[in-house]
Amino acid sequence: MPLPVKTMSKRDRLLTKRKRPETLTEREQEILQLIWSGLKNKEIADRLKISVKTVEAHRANMMKKVRVSNAAQLLNAAIQEGLIQIR
């Protein structure tokens, strides 16, 4: 049984935090699905009526949350974690 957060050491809290990636927002999940569909940032931006920079920011946030460094790793992690629907 895990210790309550208050009684855990700082190191243990950091390790616990690293084990569990943050959940993706609905918008990030939507963008992740569009990346999986093969759309480029510009195409995603046009479809969602947002800027390319916003798409890039969402992609960067997702990669940080999932702890990966490129889109291929992001998609691989998303498949393993069940974050995207494979059709």
N, C-alpha and C. Protein backbone atom coordinates (compact mmCIF):
# COMPACT_ATOMS: atom_id res chain seq x y z
N MET A 1 0.85 -1.18 0.00
CA MET A 1 0.00 0.00 0.00
C MET A 1 0.89 1.24 0.00
N PRO A 2 0.65 2.19 -0.92
CA PRO A 2 1.50 3.38 -0.98
C PRO A 2 1.34 4.26 0.24
N LEU A 3 2.42 4.95 0.58
CA LEU A 3 2.38 5.86 1.71
C LEU A 3 1.61 7.12 1.34
N PRO A 4 0.96 7.75 2.32
CA PRO A 4 0.33 9.04 2.02
C PRO A 4 1.41 10.03 1.58
N VAL A 5 1.04 10.92 0.71
CA VAL A 5 1.99 11.87 0.14
C VAL A 5 2.74 12.64 1.23
N LYS A 6 2.08 13.03 2.30
CA LYS A 6 2.72 13.83 3.35
C LYS A 6 3.86 13.09 4.03
N THR A 7 3.78 11.76 4.14
CA THR A 7 4.83 11.00 4.82
C THR A 7 5.91 10.51 3.87
N MET A 8 5.76 10.73 2.59
CA MET A 8 6.77 10.30 1.63
C MET A 8 7.93 11.28 1.60
N SER A 9 9.11 10.76 1.33
CA SER A 9 10.26 11.64 1.17
C SER A 9 10.13 12.39 -0.15
N LYS A 10 10.87 13.46 -0.27
CA LYS A 10 10.83 14.25 -1.51
C LYS A 10 11.23 13.37 -2.69
N ARG A 11 12.24 12.56 -2.52
CA ARG A 11 12.70 11.66 -3.58
C ARG A 11 11.59 10.69 -4.01
N ASP A 12 10.91 10.10 -3.01
CA ASP A 12 9.82 9.16 -3.32
C ASP A 12 8.66 9.85 -4.03
N ARG A 13 8.36 11.09 -3.62
CA ARG A 13 7.29 11.83 -4.30
C ARG A 13 7.66 12.08 -5.74
N LEU A 14 8.93 12.44 -6.01
CA LEU A 14 9.38 12.68 -7.38
C LEU A 14 9.31 11.41 -8.20
N LEU A 15 9.74 10.29 -7.62
CA LEU A 15 9.69 9.02 -8.34
C LEU A 15 8.26 8.63 -8.65
N THR A 16 7.36 8.81 -7.68
CA THR A 16 5.95 8.49 -7.90
C THR A 16 5.37 9.38 -9.00
N LYS A 17 5.72 10.65 -8.96
CA LYS A 17 5.21 11.58 -9.97
C LYS A 17 5.71 11.19 -11.36
N ARG A 18 6.96 10.77 -11.46
CA ARG A 18 7.53 10.40 -12.76
C ARG A 18 6.88 9.15 -13.33
N LYS A 19 6.40 8.27 -12.48
CA LYS A 19 5.81 7.02 -12.96
C LYS A 19 4.46 7.25 -13.63
N ARG A 20 3.76 8.26 -13.21
CA ARG A 20 2.41 8.50 -13.74
C ARG A 20 2.39 9.77 -14.57
N PRO A 21 2.29 9.62 -15.90
CA PRO A 21 2.21 10.85 -16.70
C PRO A 21 0.90 11.58 -16.44
N GLU A 22 0.95 12.88 -16.59
CA GLU A 22 -0.26 13.67 -16.44
C GLU A 22 -1.26 13.26 -17.52
N THR A 23 -2.53 13.44 -17.22
CA THR A 23 -3.53 13.13 -18.23
C THR A 23 -3.57 14.23 -19.28
N LEU A 24 -3.93 13.85 -20.48
CA LEU A 24 -4.04 14.82 -21.56
C LEU A 24 -5.39 15.52 -21.49
N THR A 25 -5.39 16.78 -21.89
CA THR A 25 -6.65 17.53 -21.95
C THR A 25 -7.47 17.00 -23.12
N GLU A 26 -8.74 17.38 -23.16
CA GLU A 26 -9.59 16.97 -24.29
C GLU A 26 -9.02 17.47 -25.60
N ARG A 27 -8.53 18.71 -25.62
CA ARG A 27 -7.96 19.29 -26.84
C ARG A 27 -6.70 18.53 -27.26
N GLU A 28 -5.87 18.19 -26.28
CA GLU A 28 -4.66 17.41 -26.60
C GLU A 28 -5.03 16.05 -27.16
N GLN A 29 -6.04 15.42 -26.59
CA GLN A 29 -6.50 14.12 -27.10
C GLN A 29 -7.01 14.26 -28.53
N GLU A 30 -7.74 15.34 -28.78
CA GLU A 30 -8.26 15.59 -30.13
C GLU A 30 -7.10 15.77 -31.12
N ILE A 31 -6.10 16.55 -30.74
CA ILE A 31 -4.95 16.79 -31.61
C ILE A 31 -4.15 15.50 -31.79
N LEU A 32 -4.00 14.72 -30.73
CA LEU A 32 -3.29 13.46 -30.83
C LEU A 32 -3.97 12.54 -31.83
N GLN A 33 -5.29 12.49 -31.82
CA GLN A 33 -6.03 11.66 -32.77
C GLN A 33 -5.80 12.15 -34.20
N LEU A 34 -5.75 13.47 -34.39
CA LEU A 34 -5.50 14.02 -35.72
C LEU A 34 -4.07 13.76 -36.18
N ILE A 35 -3.11 13.78 -35.26
CA ILE A 35 -1.74 13.41 -35.61
C ILE A 35 -1.71 11.96 -36.05
N TRP A 36 -2.41 11.11 -35.31
CA TRP A 36 -2.50 9.69 -35.66
C TRP A 36 -3.12 9.51 -37.05
N SER A 37 -4.05 10.38 -37.40
CA SER A 37 -4.70 10.31 -38.71
C SER A 37 -3.78 10.74 -39.84
N GLY A 38 -2.62 11.28 -39.48
CA GLY A 38 -1.64 11.65 -40.50
C GLY A 38 -1.65 13.12 -40.89
N LEU A 39 -2.41 13.93 -40.17
CA LEU A 39 -2.47 15.35 -40.52
C LEU A 39 -1.23 16.08 -40.03
N LYS A 40 -0.81 17.06 -40.79
CA LYS A 40 0.30 17.92 -40.40
C LYS A 40 -0.22 19.05 -39.52
N ASN A 41 0.71 19.74 -38.85
CA ASN A 41 0.31 20.82 -37.94
C ASN A 41 -0.58 21.85 -38.62
N LYS A 42 -0.23 22.25 -39.83
CA LYS A 42 -1.03 23.24 -40.57
C LYS A 42 -2.44 22.72 -40.83
N GLU A 43 -2.55 21.47 -41.21
CA GLU A 43 -3.86 20.87 -41.48
C GLU A 43 -4.70 20.77 -40.20
N ILE A 44 -4.04 20.43 -39.09
CA ILE A 44 -4.74 20.36 -37.80
C ILE A 44 -5.22 21.75 -37.41
N ALA A 45 -4.34 22.74 -37.56
CA ALA A 45 -4.70 24.12 -37.23
C ALA A 45 -5.90 24.59 -38.05
N ASP A 46 -5.88 24.31 -39.34
CA ASP A 46 -6.99 24.72 -40.21
C ASP A 46 -8.29 24.03 -39.80
N ARG A 47 -8.22 22.75 -39.51
CA ARG A 47 -9.41 21.99 -39.15
C ARG A 47 -10.01 22.47 -37.83
N LEU A 48 -9.14 22.80 -36.86
CA LEU A 48 -9.62 23.20 -35.54
C LEU A 48 -9.79 24.72 -35.39
N LYS A 49 -9.41 25.43 -36.45
CA LYS A 49 -9.50 26.90 -36.45
C LYS A 49 -8.67 27.51 -35.31
N ILE A 50 -7.44 27.02 -35.20
CA ILE A 50 -6.47 27.55 -34.26
C ILE A 50 -5.17 27.80 -35.02
N SER A 51 -4.22 28.46 -34.39
CA SER A 51 -2.96 28.74 -35.07
C SER A 51 -2.04 27.52 -35.06
N VAL A 52 -1.12 27.50 -36.00
CA VAL A 52 -0.12 26.43 -36.07
C VAL A 52 0.71 26.44 -34.78
N LYS A 53 1.02 27.63 -34.27
CA LYS A 53 1.79 27.74 -33.02
C LYS A 53 1.04 27.07 -31.85
N THR A 54 -0.27 27.19 -31.84
CA THR A 54 -1.06 26.55 -30.78
C THR A 54 -1.00 25.03 -30.91
N VAL A 55 -1.07 24.54 -32.13
CA VAL A 55 -0.93 23.09 -32.36
C VAL A 55 0.44 22.63 -31.88
N GLU A 56 1.47 23.39 -32.25
CA GLU A 56 2.84 23.04 -31.84
C GLU A 56 2.97 23.04 -30.32
N ALA A 57 2.33 23.99 -29.66
CA ALA A 57 2.38 24.06 -28.20
C ALA A 57 1.69 22.85 -27.57
N HIS A 58 0.54 22.47 -28.12
CA HIS A 58 -0.17 21.29 -27.62
C HIS A 58 0.69 20.04 -27.81
N ARG A 59 1.31 19.92 -28.98
CA ARG A 59 2.16 18.76 -29.25
C ARG A 59 3.32 18.71 -28.25
N ALA A 60 3.96 19.85 -28.01
CA ALA A 60 5.07 19.92 -27.07
C ALA A 60 4.61 19.55 -25.65
N ASN A 61 3.44 20.05 -25.26
CA ASN A 61 2.90 19.72 -23.94
C ASN A 61 2.62 18.22 -23.81
N MET A 62 2.07 17.64 -24.86
CA MET A 62 1.80 16.20 -24.83
C MET A 62 3.09 15.40 -24.70
N MET A 63 4.10 15.78 -25.46
CA MET A 63 5.37 15.06 -25.40
C MET A 63 6.00 15.19 -24.02
N LYS A 64 5.86 16.34 -23.41
CA LYS A 64 6.39 16.54 -22.06
C LYS A 64 5.63 15.67 -21.06
N LYS A 65 4.31 15.65 -21.16
CA LYS A 65 3.50 14.86 -20.24
C LYS A 65 3.78 13.36 -20.37
N VAL A 66 3.96 12.90 -21.61
CA VAL A 66 4.17 11.47 -21.85
C VAL A 66 5.65 11.11 -21.73
N ARG A 67 6.49 12.13 -21.63
CA ARG A 67 7.94 11.98 -21.45
C ARG A 67 8.60 11.32 -22.66
N VAL A 68 8.35 11.91 -23.82
CA VAL A 68 8.99 11.46 -25.06
C VAL A 68 9.57 12.68 -25.76
N SER A 69 10.39 12.42 -26.80
CA SER A 69 11.07 13.54 -27.45
C SER A 69 10.73 13.74 -28.92
N ASN A 70 9.86 12.89 -29.48
CA ASN A 70 9.45 13.12 -30.87
C ASN A 70 8.06 12.53 -31.12
N ALA A 71 7.51 12.85 -32.28
CA ALA A 71 6.13 12.46 -32.60
C ALA A 71 5.97 10.94 -32.70
N ALA A 72 6.99 10.25 -33.22
CA ALA A 72 6.90 8.79 -33.33
C ALA A 72 6.79 8.16 -31.95
N GLN A 73 7.61 8.63 -31.01
CA GLN A 73 7.54 8.13 -29.65
C GLN A 73 6.22 8.49 -28.99
N LEU A 74 5.70 9.66 -29.30
CA LEU A 74 4.41 10.09 -28.76
C LEU A 74 3.31 9.13 -29.21
N LEU A 75 3.28 8.82 -30.49
CA LEU A 75 2.26 7.91 -31.00
C LEU A 75 2.43 6.51 -30.43
N ASN A 76 3.67 6.05 -30.33
CA ASN A 76 3.93 4.74 -29.76
C ASN A 76 3.43 4.67 -28.32
N ALA A 77 3.75 5.67 -27.52
CA ALA A 77 3.29 5.72 -26.13
C ALA A 77 1.77 5.81 -26.07
N ALA A 78 1.18 6.58 -26.97
CA ALA A 78 -0.28 6.73 -26.99
C ALA A 78 -0.97 5.40 -27.28
N ILE A 79 -0.40 4.62 -28.18
CA ILE A 79 -0.95 3.29 -28.49
C ILE A 79 -0.84 2.39 -27.27
N GLN A 80 0.34 2.37 -26.66
CA GLN A 80 0.57 1.50 -25.50
C GLN A 80 -0.32 1.87 -24.32
N GLU A 81 -0.60 3.15 -24.16
CA GLU A 81 -1.42 3.62 -23.03
C GLU A 81 -2.91 3.67 -23.37
N GLY A 82 -3.27 3.36 -24.62
CA GLY A 82 -4.67 3.40 -25.01
C GLY A 82 -5.22 4.80 -25.12
N LEU A 83 -4.35 5.77 -25.44
CA LEU A 83 -4.78 7.16 -25.52
C LEU A 83 -5.41 7.52 -26.86
N ILE A 84 -5.20 6.69 -27.87
CA ILE A 84 -5.80 6.97 -29.19
C ILE A 84 -6.61 5.75 -29.63
N GLN A 85 -7.57 6.03 -30.48
CA GLN A 85 -8.40 4.96 -31.03
C GLN A 85 -7.83 4.55 -32.37
N ILE A 86 -7.46 3.28 -32.48
CA ILE A 86 -6.92 2.77 -33.73
C ILE A 86 -8.09 2.22 -34.53
N ARG A 87 -8.28 2.77 -35.72
CA ARG A 87 -9.44 2.34 -36.54
C ARG A 87 -9.00 1.50 -37.69
